Amino acid sequence: MEEIRDNLVARIAEAGREGWLGEVEGLRVSLAGAEDKLAQINRRPRNGAAVDLCRRSGNSALATIL
């Protein structure tokens, strides 16, 4: 999940350099979702409890990964 977050940050920077403002906005939404999932993972009890990584709305490509 951290690798996904890092990739999104790099893609946002690239889109910003290229002037792809719509892409920047979409990637920021995806980044917020990835950061939310990381926060959930970090908050979970250490007893092996599962975290639901399936997103049913938002960016469909990222929803498959998350």
PDB file of N, CA and C in Angstrom:
ATOM      1  N   MET A   1       0.827  -1.184   0.000  1.00  0.00           N
ATOM      2  CA  MET A   1       0.000   0.000   0.000  1.00  0.00           C
ATOM      3  C   MET A   1       0.879   1.258   0.000  1.00  0.00           C
ATOM      4  N   GLU A   2       1.997   1.204   0.707  1.00  0.00           N
ATOM      5  CA  GLU A   2       2.903   2.349   0.707  1.00  0.00           C
ATOM      6  C   GLU A   2       3.492   2.582  -0.684  1.00  0.00           C
ATOM      7  N   GLU A   3       3.758   1.503  -1.396  1.00  0.00           N
ATOM      8  CA  GLU A   3       4.278   1.630  -2.758  1.00  0.00           C
ATOM      9  C   GLU A   3       3.244   2.291  -3.675  1.00  0.00           C
ATOM     10  N   ILE A   4       1.986   1.938  -3.496  1.00  0.00           N
ATOM     11  CA  ILE A   4       0.911   2.555  -4.280  1.00  0.00           C
ATOM     12  C   ILE A   4       0.853   4.043  -3.980  1.00  0.00           C
ATOM     13  N   ARG A   5       0.920   4.393  -2.686  1.00  0.00           N
ATOM     14  CA  ARG A   5       0.888   5.801  -2.294  1.00  0.00           C
ATOM     15  C   ARG A   5       2.054   6.556  -2.922  1.00  0.00           C
ATOM     16  N   ASP A   6       3.236   5.991  -2.829  1.00  0.00           N
ATOM     17  CA  ASP A   6       4.420   6.649  -3.380  1.00  0.00           C
ATOM     18  C   ASP A   6       4.307   6.833  -4.891  1.00  0.00           C
ATOM     19  N   ASN A   7       3.746   5.827  -5.574  1.00  0.00           N
ATOM     20  CA  ASN A   7       3.546   5.924  -7.019  1.00  0.00           C
ATOM     21  C   ASN A   7       2.557   7.034  -7.354  1.00  0.00           C
ATOM     22  N   LEU A   8       1.508   7.155  -6.570  1.00  0.00           N
ATOM     23  CA  LEU A   8       0.521   8.212  -6.806  1.00  0.00           C
ATOM     24  C   LEU A   8       1.158   9.592  -6.626  1.00  0.00           C
ATOM     25  N   VAL A   9       1.988   9.741  -5.613  1.00  0.00           N
ATOM     26  CA  VAL A   9       2.675  11.019  -5.392  1.00  0.00           C
ATOM     27  C   VAL A   9       3.538  11.368  -6.612  1.00  0.00           C
ATOM     28  N   ALA A  10       4.266  10.402  -7.131  1.00  0.00           N
ATOM     29  CA  ALA A  10       5.098  10.633  -8.313  1.00  0.00           C
ATOM     30  C   ALA A  10       4.245  10.979  -9.528  1.00  0.00           C
ATOM     31  N   ARG A  11       3.115  10.290  -9.685  1.00  0.00           N
ATOM     32  CA  ARG A  11       2.238  10.566 -10.829  1.00  0.00           C
ATOM     33  C   ARG A  11       1.604  11.945 -10.724  1.00  0.00           C
ATOM     34  N   ILE A  12       1.291  12.389  -9.501  1.00  0.00           N
ATOM     35  CA  ILE A  12       0.737  13.734  -9.310  1.00  0.00           C
ATOM     36  C   ILE A  12       1.779  14.774  -9.719  1.00  0.00           C
ATOM     37  N   ALA A  13       3.018  14.560  -9.316  1.00  0.00           N
ATOM     38  CA  ALA A  13       4.090  15.492  -9.686  1.00  0.00           C
ATOM     39  C   ALA A  13       4.258  15.550 -11.200  1.00  0.00           C
ATOM     40  N   GLU A  14       4.252  14.391 -11.842  1.00  0.00           N
ATOM     41  CA  GLU A  14       4.387  14.349 -13.298  1.00  0.00           C
ATOM     42  C   GLU A  14       3.221  15.065 -13.977  1.00  0.00           C
ATOM     43  N   ALA A  15       2.021  14.781 -13.527  1.00  0.00           N
ATOM     44  CA  ALA A  15       0.843  15.413 -14.129  1.00  0.00           C
ATOM     45  C   ALA A  15       0.885  16.925 -13.937  1.00  0.00           C
ATOM     46  N   GLY A  16       1.365  17.366 -12.785  1.00  0.00           N
ATOM     47  CA  GLY A  16       1.500  18.801 -12.543  1.00  0.00           C
ATOM     48  C   GLY A  16       2.501  19.443 -13.488  1.00  0.00           C
ATOM     49  N   ARG A  17       3.635  18.780 -13.686  1.00  0.00           N
ATOM     50  CA  ARG A  17       4.660  19.304 -14.616  1.00  0.00           C
ATOM     51  C   ARG A  17       4.121  19.390 -16.036  1.00  0.00           C
ATOM     52  N   GLU A  18       3.299  18.427 -16.415  1.00  0.00           N
ATOM     53  CA  GLU A  18       2.776  18.375 -17.782  1.00  0.00           C
ATOM     54  C   GLU A  18       1.532  19.243 -17.970  1.00  0.00           C
ATOM     55  N   GLY A  19       1.000  19.781 -16.865  1.00  0.00           N
ATOM     56  CA  GLY A  19      -0.180  20.633 -16.971  1.00  0.00           C
ATOM     57  C   GLY A  19      -1.487  19.867 -17.102  1.00  0.00           C
ATOM     58  N   TRP A  20      -1.499  18.610 -16.677  1.00  0.00           N
ATOM     59  CA  TRP A  20      -2.703  17.779 -16.771  1.00  0.00           C
ATOM     60  C   TRP A  20      -3.538  17.962 -15.498  1.00  0.00           C
ATOM     61  N   LEU A  21      -4.222  19.093 -15.405  1.00  0.00           N
ATOM     62  CA  LEU A  21      -4.912  19.457 -14.175  1.00  0.00           C
ATOM     63  C   LEU A  21      -6.025  18.488 -13.792  1.00  0.00           C
ATOM     64  N   GLY A  22      -6.757  17.984 -14.776  1.00  0.00           N
ATOM     65  CA  GLY A  22      -7.805  16.997 -14.480  1.00  0.00           C
ATOM     66  C   GLY A  22      -7.224  15.718 -13.915  1.00  0.00           C
ATOM     67  N   GLU A  23      -6.101  15.312 -14.451  1.00  0.00           N
ATOM     68  CA  GLU A  23      -5.412  14.113 -13.969  1.00  0.00           C
ATOM     69  C   GLU A  23      -4.904  14.324 -12.548  1.00  0.00           C
ATOM     70  N   VAL A  24      -4.391  15.508 -12.265  1.00  0.00           N
ATOM     71  CA  VAL A  24      -3.910  15.823 -10.920  1.00  0.00           C
ATOM     72  C   VAL A  24      -5.046  15.655  -9.916  1.00  0.00           C
ATOM     73  N   GLU A  25      -6.200  16.192 -10.239  1.00  0.00           N
ATOM     74  CA  GLU A  25      -7.342  16.110  -9.316  1.00  0.00           C
ATOM     75  C   GLU A  25      -7.751  14.661  -9.073  1.00  0.00           C
ATOM     76  N   GLY A  26      -7.850  13.880 -10.125  1.00  0.00           N
ATOM     77  CA  GLY A  26      -8.220  12.472  -9.971  1.00  0.00           C
ATOM     78  C   GLY A  26      -7.204  11.693  -9.153  1.00  0.00           C
ATOM     79  N   LEU A  27      -5.937  11.956  -9.386  1.00  0.00           N
ATOM     80  CA  LEU A  27      -4.880  11.277  -8.642  1.00  0.00           C
ATOM     81  C   LEU A  27      -4.887  11.688  -7.173  1.00  0.00           C
ATOM     82  N   ARG A  28      -5.220  12.942  -6.897  1.00  0.00           N
ATOM     83  CA  ARG A  28      -5.310  13.388  -5.494  1.00  0.00           C
ATOM     84  C   ARG A  28      -6.428  12.660  -4.761  1.00  0.00           C
ATOM     85  N   VAL A  29      -7.525  12.423  -5.444  1.00  0.00           N
ATOM     86  CA  VAL A  29      -8.622  11.658  -4.840  1.00  0.00           C
ATOM     87  C   VAL A  29      -8.140  10.237  -4.534  1.00  0.00           C
ATOM     88  N   SER A  30      -7.456   9.636  -5.478  1.00  0.00           N
ATOM     89  CA  SER A  30      -6.918   8.289  -5.277  1.00  0.00           C
ATOM     90  C   SER A  30      -5.892   8.267  -4.143  1.00  0.00           C
ATOM     91  N   LEU A  31      -5.055   9.293  -4.085  1.00  0.00           N
ATOM     92  CA  LEU A  31      -4.056   9.386  -3.020  1.00  0.00           C
ATOM     93  C   LEU A  31      -4.729   9.482  -1.656  1.00  0.00           C
ATOM     94  N   ALA A  32      -5.775  10.260  -1.565  1.00  0.00           N
ATOM     95  CA  ALA A  32      -6.503  10.370  -0.293  1.00  0.00           C
ATOM     96  C   ALA A  32      -7.039   9.007   0.131  1.00  0.00           C
ATOM     97  N   GLY A  33      -7.543   8.233  -0.820  1.00  0.00           N
ATOM     98  CA  GLY A  33      -8.037   6.890  -0.512  1.00  0.00           C
ATOM     99  C   GLY A  33      -6.919   5.967  -0.053  1.00  0.00           C
ATOM    100  N   ALA A  34      -5.780   6.041  -0.702  1.00  0.00           N
ATOM    101  CA  ALA A  34      -4.644   5.200  -0.316  1.00  0.00           C
ATOM    102  C   ALA A  34      -4.143   5.574   1.072  1.00  0.00           C
ATOM    103  N   GLU A  35      -4.088   6.867   1.351  1.00  0.00           N
ATOM    104  CA  GLU A  35      -3.646   7.307   2.679  1.00  0.00           C
ATOM    105  C   GLU A  35      -4.636   6.894   3.762  1.00  0.00           C
ATOM    106  N   ASP A  36      -5.922   6.922   3.425  1.00  0.00           N
ATOM    107  CA  ASP A  36      -6.946   6.471   4.365  1.00  0.00           C
ATOM    108  C   ASP A  36      -6.770   4.986   4.684  1.00  0.00           C
ATOM    109  N   LYS A  37      -6.526   4.188   3.670  1.00  0.00           N
ATOM    110  CA  LYS A  37      -6.318   2.746   3.887  1.00  0.00           C
ATOM    111  C   LYS A  37      -5.060   2.494   4.711  1.00  0.00           C
ATOM    112  N   LEU A  38      -4.001   3.239   4.457  1.00  0.00           N
ATOM    113  CA  LEU A  38      -2.786   3.095   5.259  1.00  0.00           C
ATOM    114  C   LEU A  38      -3.063   3.438   6.720  1.00  0.00           C
ATOM    115  N   ALA A  39      -3.844   4.481   6.943  1.00  0.00           N
ATOM    116  CA  ALA A  39      -4.192   4.856   8.313  1.00  0.00           C
ATOM    117  C   ALA A  39      -4.995   3.746   8.976  1.00  0.00           C
ATOM    118  N   GLN A  40      -5.921   3.133   8.237  1.00  0.00           N
ATOM    119  CA  GLN A  40      -6.704   2.017   8.779  1.00  0.00           C
ATOM    120  C   GLN A  40      -5.791   0.851   9.137  1.00  0.00           C
ATOM    121  N   ILE A  41      -4.855   0.562   8.277  1.00  0.00           N
ATOM    122  CA  ILE A  41      -3.924  -0.538   8.534  1.00  0.00           C
ATOM    123  C   ILE A  41      -3.103  -0.251   9.789  1.00  0.00           C
ATOM    124  N   ASN A  42      -2.649   0.980   9.925  1.00  0.00           N
ATOM    125  CA  ASN A  42      -1.827   1.349  11.077  1.00  0.00           C
ATOM    126  C   ASN A  42      -2.624   1.379  12.378  1.00  0.00           C
ATOM    127  N   ARG A  43      -3.939   1.589  12.287  1.00  0.00           N
ATOM    128  CA  ARG A  43      -4.791   1.631  13.482  1.00  0.00           C
ATOM    129  C   ARG A  43      -5.297   0.264  13.904  1.00  0.00           C
ATOM    130  N   ARG A  44      -5.233  -0.708  13.028  1.00  0.00           N
ATOM    131  CA  ARG A  44      -5.840  -2.007  13.328  1.00  0.00           C
ATOM    132  C   ARG A  44      -5.141  -2.695  14.495  1.00  0.00           C
ATOM    133  N   PRO A  45      -5.898  -3.494  15.216  1.00  0.00           N
ATOM    134  CA  PRO A  45      -5.299  -4.256  16.315  1.00  0.00           C
ATOM    135  C   PRO A  45      -4.241  -5.207  15.778  1.00  0.00           C
ATOM    136  N   ARG A  46      -3.243  -5.459  16.550  1.00  0.00           N
ATOM    137  CA  ARG A  46      -2.148  -6.327  16.120  1.00  0.00           C
ATOM    138  C   ARG A  46      -2.482  -7.809  16.269  1.00  0.00           C
ATOM    139  N   ASN A  47      -3.746  -8.130  16.482  1.00  0.00           N
ATOM    140  CA  ASN A  47      -4.142  -9.531  16.644  1.00  0.00           C
ATOM    141  C   ASN A  47      -4.476 -10.200  15.319  1.00  0.00           C
ATOM    142  N   GLY A  48      -4.141  -9.558  14.218  1.00  0.00           N
ATOM    143  CA  GLY A  48      -4.378 -10.153  12.907  1.00  0.00           C
ATOM    144  C   GLY A  48      -5.744  -9.828  12.327  1.00  0.00           C
ATOM    145  N   ALA A  49      -6.436  -8.849  12.895  1.00  0.00           N
ATOM    146  CA  ALA A  49      -7.743  -8.470  12.375  1.00  0.00           C
ATOM    147  C   ALA A  49      -7.596  -7.945  10.942  1.00  0.00           C
ATOM    148  N   ALA A  50      -8.548  -8.281  10.108  1.00  0.00           N
ATOM    149  CA  ALA A  50      -8.505  -7.894   8.696  1.00  0.00           C
ATOM    150  C   ALA A  50      -8.957  -6.453   8.500  1.00  0.00           C
ATOM    151  N   VAL A  51      -8.464  -5.836   7.437  1.00  0.00           N
ATOM    152  CA  VAL A  51      -8.887  -4.512   7.008  1.00  0.00           C
ATOM    153  C   VAL A  51      -9.484  -4.667   5.621  1.00  0.00           C
ATOM    154  N   ASP A  52     -10.690  -4.140   5.429  1.00  0.00           N
ATOM    155  CA  ASP A  52     -11.349  -4.225   4.128  1.00  0.00           C
ATOM    156  C   ASP A  52     -10.658  -3.269   3.165  1.00  0.00           C
ATOM    157  N   LEU A  53      -9.996  -3.806   2.142  1.00  0.00           N
ATOM    158  CA  LEU A  53      -9.277  -2.988   1.174  1.00  0.00           C
ATOM    159  C   LEU A  53     -10.063  -2.779  -0.112  1.00  0.00           C
ATOM    160  N   CYS A  54     -11.284  -3.170  -0.152  1.00  0.00           N
ATOM    161  CA  CYS A  54     -12.093  -3.053  -1.366  1.00  0.00           C
ATOM    162  C   CYS A  54     -12.877  -1.756  -1.353  1.00  0.00           C
ATOM    163  N   ARG A  55     -12.588  -0.899  -2.324  1.00  0.00           N
ATOM    164  CA  ARG A  55     -13.345   0.344  -2.488  1.00  0.00           C
ATOM    165  C   ARG A  55     -14.372   0.121  -3.578  1.00  0.00           C
ATOM    166  N   ARG A  56     -15.563   0.552  -3.318  1.00  0.00           N
ATOM    167  CA  ARG A  56     -16.639   0.341  -4.283  1.00  0.00           C
ATOM    168  C   ARG A  56     -17.041   1.618  -5.010  1.00  0.00           C
ATOM    169  N   SER A  57     -16.316   2.709  -4.770  1.00  0.00           N
ATOM    170  CA  SER A  57     -16.597   3.956  -5.478  1.00  0.00           C
ATOM    171  C   SER A  57     -15.286   4.651  -5.785  1.00  0.00           C
ATOM    172  N   GLY A  58     -15.350   5.663  -6.599  1.00  0.00           N
ATOM    173  CA  GLY A  58     -14.145   6.418  -6.921  1.00  0.00           C
ATOM    174  C   GLY A  58     -13.432   5.860  -8.134  1.00  0.00           C
ATOM    175  N   ASN A  59     -12.160   5.995  -8.166  1.00  0.00           N
ATOM    176  CA  ASN A  59     -11.327   5.603  -9.289  1.00  0.00           C
ATOM    177  C   ASN A  59     -11.376   4.088  -9.475  1.00  0.00           C
ATOM    178  N   SER A  60     -11.949   3.623 -10.579  1.00  0.00           N
ATOM    179  CA  SER A  60     -12.140   2.188 -10.788  1.00  0.00           C
ATOM    180  C   SER A  60     -10.831   1.437 -10.907  1.00  0.00           C
ATOM    181  N   ALA A  61      -9.798   2.053 -11.484  1.00  0.00           N
ATOM    182  CA  ALA A  61      -8.504   1.362 -11.596  1.00  0.00           C
ATOM    183  C   ALA A  61      -7.900   1.170 -10.211  1.00  0.00           C
ATOM    184  N   LEU A  62      -7.993   2.167  -9.375  1.00  0.00           N
ATOM    185  CA  LEU A  62      -7.460   2.049  -8.026  1.00  0.00           C
ATOM    186  C   LEU A  62      -8.347   1.148  -7.172  1.00  0.00           C
ATOM    187  N   ALA A  63      -9.645   1.156  -7.415  1.00  0.00           N
ATOM    188  CA  ALA A  63     -10.555   0.313  -6.641  1.00  0.00           C
ATOM    189  C   ALA A  63     -10.178  -1.159  -6.772  1.00  0.00           C
ATOM    190  N   THR A  64      -9.679  -1.532  -7.923  1.00  0.00           N
ATOM    191  CA  THR A  64      -9.244  -2.917  -8.132  1.00  0.00           C
ATOM    192  C   THR A  64      -8.049  -3.233  -7.256  1.00  0.00           C
ATOM    193  N   ILE A  65      -7.153  -2.276  -7.092  1.00  0.00           N
ATOM    194  CA  ILE A  65      -5.946  -2.477  -6.291  1.00  0.00           C
ATOM    195  C   ILE A  65      -6.272  -2.413  -4.814  1.00  0.00           C
ATOM    196  N   LEU A  66      -7.090  -1.442  -4.417  1.00  0.00           N
ATOM    197  CA  LEU A  66      -7.399  -1.252  -3.005  1.00  0.00           C
ATOM    198  C   LEU A  66      -8.407  -2.259  -2.571  1.00  0.00           C
TER     199      LEU A  66
END
